[in-house]
Amino acid sequence: MKTLPDNPNLDHLRQQAKDLLAGLRDSEPRVTLADAQASLAEQYGFRTWTELKAEVDRMRGRAEVADPALARAVAERYGLGEVTGGMRSMARPDESGRQWSLETDRGRWAVRTMDTWWPIVDVETEVALQEAAAGAGILLPAPVRSRSGSIVESIGGHDWRVYQWLHSGPPLSAPASSSVTREVGRILATIHGLALPVDRISPWHHQRLSDVEWPELAAMASAKGASWADELTAAVPNLVDLGTIGEGAPAPAPVLSHNTLGPNRVRRGPQGRLIVTGWEHAGGQPPSWELGNALMDWTVDPNGGVNAAGVRALIDGYRAVAGTLPALDMAMFRGAVTSLANYVSGQVHEALNAREGEDQRYADRSLRHLLTHLPTSTRAVLERLLDVALAAAS
């Protein structure tokens, strides 16, 4: 589920809806802006555009302001200049920590805590990938080193990272337009073409990280009386089936890559160029697996429809840079379905352990949205996606 920022902007949501409209019209030219707005609202976990707007009104101005002493300490440690405004939260904490905006006399900076960060490769390897990608023409917020030369610093009881601020629009949504997916294909091929070595495939994409089986997890939710327990029980057969896709097929050799190149990590920057964020989870993945993951993330709509034009454009963009394509078969989705299983399992455990109040409200809405949209990730959808990709490749 998409997450609203701490100080949401209705104009940003309108822009997201317009971007989404272009992707929806690739498959159905008669789709209206109202249809796109409704689809976007659903992606944020709301039934209607009106409900989404009401949530924007409720949340506006709720960004947290950090202790000024902490803001000054971060700026001093990283040599960012004199603080000229409050350090404000950008969104609720994610799987790594929380992002903040810091303004100094030298400009604006994206700073974030990394308290729950689970690095797949060491930070210098990850930064080397970012630097190589930037050198190859990919637009990204450059990581900033502290005065001591470190990327991560412990300040005020938190681990921190800092990035240069790049002005951009809101994150993109799926299904994206063919003009966007073509560029995504080019970006992905560029990263793969760097061919930076890595010693293993990211565990997030290679193995189930929980030893609790789906039926047992559903029983736990039912026993606790979770409001979404029935949805999880209904999703169990699909989750079990997805776990068999690509099972037993030898895993291709990985390269060091972005690992999470989905719409939530990409924004429009200057002159409409795509800005790629979220490099903290960089790790090893076979190019075919990451291509399969990108096709799932960028070209499948919330109802399980496949944007064929978007698929063709992504394949064409990748091939235009790489010259060739990795193997296209059902096994290419192995990493995607494994990471999906790990995500769903993690979200279930988080919802079961959420505190009362706002955290519980958000966790329940997020999980119900996730479970009711799993039909967009079924064997049948992936088979249709593969058919379109093979046709585009021929």
Protein backbone atom coordinates (compact mmCIF):
# COMPACT_ATOMS: atom_id res chain seq x y z
CA MET A 1 0.00 0.00 0.00
CA LYS A 2 1.21 3.49 -0.79
CA THR A 3 1.93 5.66 2.25
CA LEU A 4 1.00 9.33 2.46
CA PRO A 5 3.77 11.70 3.55
CA ASP A 6 3.50 13.36 6.94
CA ASN A 7 2.42 16.63 5.33
CA PRO A 8 0.53 15.43 2.24
CA ASN A 9 -0.02 17.71 -0.73
CA LEU A 10 -3.25 17.40 -2.71
CA ASP A 11 -1.56 18.83 -5.81
CA HIS A 12 0.96 15.98 -5.64
CA LEU A 13 -1.89 13.47 -5.51
CA ARG A 14 -3.54 15.11 -8.51
CA GLN A 15 -0.24 14.80 -10.40
CA GLN A 16 0.02 11.14 -9.40
CA ALA A 17 -3.49 10.56 -10.71
CA LYS A 18 -2.59 12.19 -14.04
CA ASP A 19 0.52 10.02 -14.34
CA LEU A 20 -1.55 6.95 -13.51
CA LEU A 21 -4.17 7.96 -16.08
CA ALA A 22 -1.53 7.78 -18.82
CA GLY A 23 -0.64 4.22 -17.80
CA LEU A 24 -4.27 3.11 -17.57
CA ARG A 25 -5.03 4.56 -21.01
CA ASP A 26 -2.30 2.41 -22.54
CA SER A 27 -4.72 -0.49 -22.04
CA GLU A 28 -8.10 1.28 -22.07
CA PRO A 29 -8.27 4.65 -23.89
CA ARG A 30 -11.70 5.45 -22.44
CA VAL A 31 -10.46 5.58 -18.84
CA THR A 32 -11.20 8.96 -17.23
CA LEU A 33 -9.31 11.06 -14.72
CA ALA A 34 -11.98 10.16 -12.16
CA ASP A 35 -11.21 6.49 -12.78
CA ALA A 36 -7.50 7.16 -12.23
CA GLN A 37 -8.23 9.09 -9.05
CA ALA A 38 -10.33 6.21 -7.73
CA SER A 39 -7.57 3.72 -8.57
CA LEU A 40 -4.97 5.88 -6.85
CA ALA A 41 -7.15 6.21 -3.75
CA GLU A 42 -7.41 2.43 -3.65
CA GLN A 43 -3.63 2.14 -3.84
CA TYR A 44 -3.44 4.32 -0.73
CA GLY A 45 -5.92 2.06 1.03
CA PHE A 46 -9.06 4.19 0.67
CA ARG A 47 -12.35 3.32 -0.98
CA THR A 48 -12.79 6.63 -2.83
CA TRP A 49 -10.93 9.74 -3.93
CA THR A 50 -13.10 11.70 -1.50
CA GLU A 51 -11.92 9.56 1.41
CA LEU A 52 -8.31 10.04 0.33
CA LYS A 53 -8.77 13.81 0.21
CA ALA A 54 -10.32 13.73 3.68
CA GLU A 55 -7.26 11.88 4.98
CA VAL A 56 -5.02 14.51 3.39
CA ASP A 57 -6.96 17.21 5.24
CA ARG A 58 -6.68 15.25 8.50
CA MET A 59 -2.92 14.78 8.19
CA ARG A 60 -1.92 18.19 6.84
CA GLY A 61 0.54 19.94 9.10
CA ARG A 62 1.20 16.86 11.23
CA ALA A 63 4.88 16.51 10.35
CA GLU A 64 7.03 16.13 13.45
CA VAL A 65 9.79 18.63 14.19
CA ALA A 66 13.00 17.22 15.64
CA ASP A 67 14.80 18.70 18.61
CA PRO A 68 16.80 21.69 17.25
CA ALA A 69 19.87 20.44 19.09
CA LEU A 70 19.63 17.14 17.21
CA ALA A 71 19.26 18.95 13.89
CA ARG A 72 22.37 21.01 14.65
CA ALA A 73 24.29 17.89 15.65
CA VAL A 74 23.43 16.15 12.37
CA ALA A 75 24.37 19.23 10.34
CA GLU A 76 27.63 19.60 12.23
CA ARG A 77 28.64 15.95 11.94
CA TYR A 78 28.02 15.94 8.17
CA GLY A 79 29.27 19.47 7.46
CA LEU A 80 25.94 20.65 6.05
CA GLY A 81 26.18 24.27 7.20
CA GLU A 82 24.18 26.30 9.70
CA VAL A 83 20.62 25.09 10.34
CA THR A 84 18.08 27.66 9.14
CA GLY A 85 14.79 25.82 9.78
CA GLY A 86 13.23 22.95 11.64
CA MET A 87 14.17 19.38 10.75
CA ARG A 88 10.77 17.94 9.75
CA SER A 89 9.67 14.35 9.27
CA MET A 90 8.74 13.37 5.72
CA ALA A 91 6.77 10.15 6.33
CA ARG A 92 6.06 7.52 8.95
CA PRO A 93 8.96 5.13 9.65
CA ASP A 94 9.59 2.48 7.02
CA GLU A 95 11.59 -0.74 7.08
CA SER A 96 14.86 1.17 7.55
CA GLY A 97 13.96 4.14 9.70
CA ARG A 98 12.47 7.57 9.10
CA GLN A 99 13.24 10.29 6.57
CA TRP A 100 13.55 13.95 7.52
CA SER A 101 14.09 17.21 5.65
CA LEU A 102 16.80 19.53 6.95
CA GLU A 103 17.43 23.07 5.71
CA THR A 104 20.72 24.89 6.21
CA ASP A 105 22.41 27.92 4.73
CA ARG A 106 23.91 25.56 2.14
CA GLY A 107 20.56 24.21 0.95
CA ARG A 108 18.15 21.39 1.70
CA TRP A 109 19.17 17.86 2.67
CA ALA A 110 17.41 14.51 2.96
CA VAL A 111 18.45 12.91 6.24
CA ARG A 112 17.15 9.67 7.66
CA THR A 113 17.51 7.38 10.61
CA MET A 114 18.67 3.85 9.86
CA ASP A 115 17.70 2.26 13.17
CA THR A 116 15.95 -0.77 11.64
CA TRP A 117 18.11 -0.98 8.51
CA TRP A 118 19.01 -4.48 7.43
CA PRO A 119 21.90 -4.05 4.94
CA ILE A 120 22.38 -6.80 2.38
CA VAL A 121 25.88 -5.68 1.42
CA ASP A 122 28.26 -3.44 3.34
CA VAL A 123 27.59 0.28 3.04
CA GLU A 124 30.74 1.04 1.01
CA THR A 125 29.72 -1.55 -1.59
CA GLU A 126 26.26 -0.02 -1.78
CA VAL A 127 27.66 3.50 -2.16
CA ALA A 128 30.06 2.28 -4.86
CA LEU A 129 27.02 1.04 -6.79
CA GLN A 130 25.34 4.43 -6.45
CA GLU A 131 28.45 6.24 -7.62
CA ALA A 132 28.86 3.90 -10.61
CA ALA A 133 25.17 4.30 -11.50
CA ALA A 134 25.42 8.09 -11.30
CA GLY A 135 28.52 7.95 -13.47
CA ALA A 136 26.54 5.95 -16.04
CA GLY A 137 23.89 8.68 -16.21
CA ILE A 138 21.28 7.53 -13.67
CA LEU A 139 19.85 10.44 -11.69
CA LEU A 140 19.90 9.82 -7.93
CA PRO A 141 20.32 11.75 -4.67
CA ALA A 142 24.06 11.58 -3.98
CA PRO A 143 25.00 10.14 -0.57
CA VAL A 144 26.87 12.56 1.69
CA ARG A 145 29.81 11.55 3.85
CA SER A 146 30.35 12.91 7.32
CA ARG A 147 33.35 15.00 8.25
CA SER A 148 35.10 11.77 9.24
CA GLY A 149 34.38 10.21 5.86
CA SER A 150 31.67 7.82 7.08
CA ILE A 151 28.30 7.25 5.42
CA VAL A 152 26.49 6.20 8.62
CA GLU A 153 26.97 8.11 11.89
CA SER A 154 25.49 7.53 15.35
CA ILE A 155 23.95 10.77 16.67
CA GLY A 156 21.51 11.22 19.53
CA GLY A 157 20.89 7.51 19.93
CA HIS A 158 20.12 6.95 16.23
CA ASP A 159 22.08 5.87 13.18
CA TRP A 160 21.88 8.48 10.40
CA ARG A 161 22.49 8.89 6.70
CA VAL A 162 22.40 12.06 4.61
CA TYR A 163 21.67 12.65 0.92
CA GLN A 164 21.68 15.67 -1.32
CA TRP A 165 18.15 16.91 -1.91
CA LEU A 166 16.84 16.65 -5.48
CA HIS A 167 13.65 18.52 -6.29
CA SER A 168 11.09 16.03 -7.58
CA GLY A 169 7.44 15.23 -7.88
CA PRO A 170 5.59 12.47 -6.00
CA PRO A 171 6.40 8.76 -6.43
CA LEU A 172 5.00 7.09 -9.53
CA SER A 173 2.24 4.47 -9.61
CA ALA A 174 1.46 1.28 -11.52
CA PRO A 175 0.54 0.69 -14.21
CA ALA A 176 2.94 3.33 -15.49
CA SER A 177 2.80 4.73 -19.01
CA SER A 178 4.93 3.14 -21.71
CA SER A 179 7.15 6.24 -21.83
CA VAL A 180 7.99 5.68 -18.16
CA THR A 181 8.45 1.91 -18.37
CA ARG A 182 10.77 2.30 -21.36
CA GLU A 183 13.02 4.50 -19.25
CA VAL A 184 12.77 2.06 -16.33
CA GLY A 185 13.97 -0.68 -18.66
CA ARG A 186 16.91 1.47 -19.72
CA ILE A 187 17.80 2.26 -16.10
CA LEU A 188 17.63 -1.40 -15.09
CA ALA A 189 19.81 -2.49 -18.00
CA THR A 190 22.32 0.25 -17.19
CA ILE A 191 22.62 -0.98 -13.59
CA HIS A 192 22.99 -4.59 -14.73
CA GLY A 193 25.55 -3.52 -17.31
CA LEU A 194 27.81 -2.20 -14.58
CA ALA A 195 28.33 -5.90 -13.74
CA LEU A 196 29.57 -5.13 -10.25
CA PRO A 197 30.38 -8.40 -8.47
CA VAL A 198 28.50 -9.67 -5.46
CA ASP A 199 28.93 -12.89 -3.52
CA ARG A 200 25.30 -13.96 -3.12
CA ILE A 201 21.68 -13.33 -4.01
CA SER A 202 19.83 -11.11 -1.55
CA PRO A 203 18.17 -13.38 1.06
CA TRP A 204 15.02 -11.24 0.76
CA HIS A 205 14.61 -12.55 -2.79
CA HIS A 206 16.16 -15.98 -2.34
CA GLN A 207 14.55 -17.58 0.72
CA ARG A 208 11.59 -17.36 3.07
CA LEU A 209 12.80 -15.53 6.15
CA SER A 210 10.04 -16.84 8.43
CA ASP A 211 9.61 -20.48 9.39
CA VAL A 212 5.89 -19.94 10.11
CA GLU A 213 3.83 -21.56 7.35
CA TRP A 214 0.87 -19.69 5.84
CA PRO A 215 -1.90 -21.83 7.41
CA GLU A 216 -0.31 -21.43 10.83
CA LEU A 217 0.00 -17.65 10.36
CA ALA A 218 -3.67 -17.43 9.35
CA ALA A 219 -4.64 -19.43 12.44
CA MET A 220 -2.67 -17.01 14.62
CA ALA A 221 -4.53 -14.07 13.11
CA SER A 222 -7.90 -15.74 13.62
CA ALA A 223 -7.08 -16.63 17.23
CA LYS A 224 -6.20 -12.99 17.92
CA GLY A 225 -9.42 -11.78 16.29
CA ALA A 226 -7.63 -9.66 13.70
CA SER A 227 -10.05 -7.73 11.50
CA TRP A 228 -8.27 -9.01 8.38
CA ALA A 229 -7.98 -12.67 9.46
CA ASP A 230 -10.57 -13.86 6.91
CA GLU A 231 -8.71 -12.13 4.08
CA LEU A 232 -5.47 -13.84 5.09
CA THR A 233 -7.17 -17.24 5.28
CA ALA A 234 -8.62 -16.70 1.80
CA ALA A 235 -5.16 -15.73 0.46
CA VAL A 236 -3.37 -18.82 1.80
CA PRO A 237 -3.89 -21.06 -1.29
CA ASN A 238 -2.52 -18.35 -3.58
CA LEU A 239 0.46 -17.65 -1.32
CA VAL A 240 1.28 -21.37 -1.18
CA ASP A 241 1.03 -21.66 -4.97
CA LEU A 242 3.23 -18.61 -5.57
CA GLY A 243 5.90 -20.25 -3.46
CA THR A 244 6.22 -23.03 -6.03
CA ILE A 245 6.98 -20.74 -8.99
CA GLY A 246 10.52 -21.32 -10.16
CA GLU A 247 11.03 -23.87 -7.39
CA GLY A 248 13.94 -26.18 -8.14
CA ALA A 249 15.24 -24.12 -11.08
CA PRO A 250 18.94 -23.25 -10.71
CA ALA A 251 19.38 -19.61 -9.70
CA PRO A 252 21.32 -17.59 -12.33
CA ALA A 253 24.44 -15.70 -11.29
CA PRO A 254 23.65 -12.41 -9.52
CA VAL A 255 25.02 -8.93 -10.11
CA LEU A 256 25.05 -6.09 -7.60
CA SER A 257 21.85 -4.17 -8.21
CA HIS A 258 19.24 -1.80 -6.80
CA ASN A 259 16.94 -4.64 -5.64
CA THR A 260 13.75 -2.57 -5.09
CA LEU A 261 13.29 -0.63 -8.34
CA GLY A 262 9.52 -0.18 -8.11
CA PRO A 263 7.26 2.88 -8.53
CA ASN A 264 7.61 3.92 -4.88
CA ARG A 265 11.36 4.36 -5.44
CA VAL A 266 11.10 6.48 -8.59
CA ARG A 267 10.04 10.10 -9.07
CA ARG A 268 10.03 12.64 -11.87
CA GLY A 269 12.83 15.15 -11.60
CA PRO A 270 14.01 18.11 -13.71
CA GLN A 271 12.92 17.97 -17.37
CA GLY A 272 10.87 14.89 -16.55
CA ARG A 273 13.92 12.70 -15.90
CA LEU A 274 13.41 9.80 -13.53
CA ILE A 275 15.11 10.00 -10.12
CA VAL A 276 15.91 6.66 -8.48
CA THR A 277 15.91 6.55 -4.67
CA GLY A 278 16.02 3.76 -2.07
CA TRP A 279 19.47 2.31 -2.75
CA GLU A 280 19.90 1.21 0.88
CA HIS A 281 18.64 -2.28 0.04
CA ALA A 282 21.11 -2.85 -2.80
CA GLY A 283 22.27 -6.43 -3.11
CA GLY A 284 22.75 -9.36 -5.44
CA GLN A 285 20.05 -10.43 -7.84
CA PRO A 286 20.11 -12.29 -11.15
CA PRO A 287 19.24 -9.83 -13.96
CA SER A 288 16.36 -12.05 -15.12
CA TRP A 289 14.83 -12.04 -11.62
CA GLU A 290 15.04 -8.27 -11.28
CA LEU A 291 13.59 -7.81 -14.76
CA GLY A 292 10.69 -10.07 -13.79
CA ASN A 293 10.20 -8.08 -10.60
CA ALA A 294 10.18 -4.81 -12.55
CA LEU A 295 7.56 -6.13 -14.98
CA MET A 296 5.34 -7.10 -12.04
CA ASP A 297 5.81 -3.80 -10.24
CA TRP A 298 5.38 -1.44 -13.19
CA THR A 299 2.90 -3.02 -15.61
CA VAL A 300 0.21 -4.83 -13.60
CA ASP A 301 -2.82 -2.75 -12.59
CA PRO A 302 -4.65 -3.07 -9.23
CA ASN A 303 -7.19 -5.44 -10.78
CA GLY A 304 -4.60 -7.83 -12.20
CA GLY A 305 -4.69 -6.48 -15.76
CA VAL A 306 -1.43 -6.38 -17.70
CA ASN A 307 -0.47 -3.17 -19.52
CA ALA A 308 0.88 -4.77 -22.70
CA ALA A 309 2.20 -1.47 -24.05
CA GLY A 310 4.08 -0.91 -20.81
CA VAL A 311 5.55 -4.42 -20.97
CA ARG A 312 6.72 -3.93 -24.56
CA ALA A 313 8.26 -0.57 -23.71
CA LEU A 314 10.11 -1.91 -20.67
CA ILE A 315 11.47 -4.84 -22.69
CA ASP A 316 12.46 -2.52 -25.55
CA GLY A 317 14.15 -0.08 -23.18
CA TYR A 318 16.15 -2.84 -21.51
CA ARG A 319 17.23 -4.38 -24.81
CA ALA A 320 18.16 -0.99 -26.29
CA VAL A 321 20.81 -0.59 -23.58
CA ALA A 322 21.83 -4.20 -22.90
CA GLY A 323 21.68 -5.44 -26.49
CA THR A 324 20.16 -8.73 -25.34
CA LEU A 325 17.62 -9.96 -22.82
CA PRO A 326 18.09 -12.42 -19.97
CA ALA A 327 16.10 -15.64 -20.06
CA LEU A 328 12.34 -15.02 -20.07
CA ASP A 329 10.43 -17.85 -18.37
CA MET A 330 8.33 -18.38 -15.26
CA ALA A 331 11.49 -18.84 -13.18
CA MET A 332 12.28 -15.14 -13.75
CA PHE A 333 9.56 -14.34 -11.19
CA ARG A 334 11.20 -16.44 -8.47
CA GLY A 335 12.79 -13.49 -6.70
CA ALA A 336 9.62 -11.40 -6.93
CA VAL A 337 7.33 -14.02 -5.40
CA THR A 338 9.85 -14.78 -2.66
CA SER A 339 10.19 -11.11 -1.72
CA LEU A 340 6.39 -10.78 -1.82
CA ALA A 341 6.06 -13.69 0.61
CA ASN A 342 8.59 -12.11 2.94
CA TYR A 343 6.81 -8.78 2.75
CA VAL A 344 3.36 -10.22 3.44
CA SER A 345 4.67 -12.30 6.33
CA GLY A 346 6.45 -9.30 7.80
CA GLN A 347 3.37 -7.10 7.49
CA VAL A 348 1.22 -9.75 9.18
CA HIS A 349 3.59 -10.00 12.13
CA GLU A 350 3.80 -6.21 12.35
CA ALA A 351 0.00 -5.85 12.37
CA LEU A 352 -0.36 -8.55 15.00
CA ASN A 353 2.08 -6.67 17.23
CA ALA A 354 0.99 -3.10 16.43
CA ARG A 355 0.28 -0.73 19.30
CA GLU A 356 -3.20 0.64 19.80
CA GLY A 357 -4.16 3.91 18.16
CA GLU A 358 -2.66 5.34 14.98
CA ASP A 359 -0.19 2.48 14.50
CA GLN A 360 -2.96 -0.13 14.74
CA ARG A 361 -5.20 1.88 12.43
CA TYR A 362 -2.51 2.16 9.79
CA ALA A 363 -1.36 -1.47 10.10
CA ASP A 364 -4.90 -2.84 9.75
CA ARG A 365 -5.68 -0.69 6.71
CA SER A 366 -2.36 -1.51 5.09
CA LEU A 367 -2.66 -5.25 5.60
CA ARG A 368 -6.28 -5.44 4.47
CA HIS A 369 -5.30 -3.56 1.30
CA LEU A 370 -2.34 -5.87 0.72
CA LEU A 371 -4.34 -9.07 1.18
CA THR A 372 -7.26 -7.96 -1.01
CA HIS A 373 -4.85 -7.02 -3.81
CA LEU A 374 -2.90 -10.25 -3.86
CA PRO A 375 -5.00 -11.37 -6.87
CA THR A 376 -2.75 -9.04 -8.89
CA SER A 377 0.06 -11.49 -8.07
CA THR A 378 -1.22 -14.91 -9.04
CA ARG A 379 0.17 -17.59 -11.29
CA ALA A 380 -2.41 -16.67 -13.96
CA VAL A 381 -1.36 -13.00 -13.94
CA LEU A 382 2.31 -13.92 -14.16
CA GLU A 383 1.62 -16.29 -17.03
CA ARG A 384 -0.14 -13.48 -18.93
CA LEU A 385 2.73 -11.15 -18.13
CA LEU A 386 5.24 -13.68 -19.43
CA ASP A 387 3.26 -14.20 -22.65
CA VAL A 388 3.30 -10.48 -23.37
CA ALA A 389 7.02 -10.23 -22.54
CA LEU A 390 7.86 -13.15 -24.85
CA ALA A 391 5.84 -11.57 -27.65
CA ALA A 392 7.67 -8.28 -27.12
CA ALA A 393 11.03 -10.06 -27.20
CA SER A 394 10.35 -11.91 -30.44
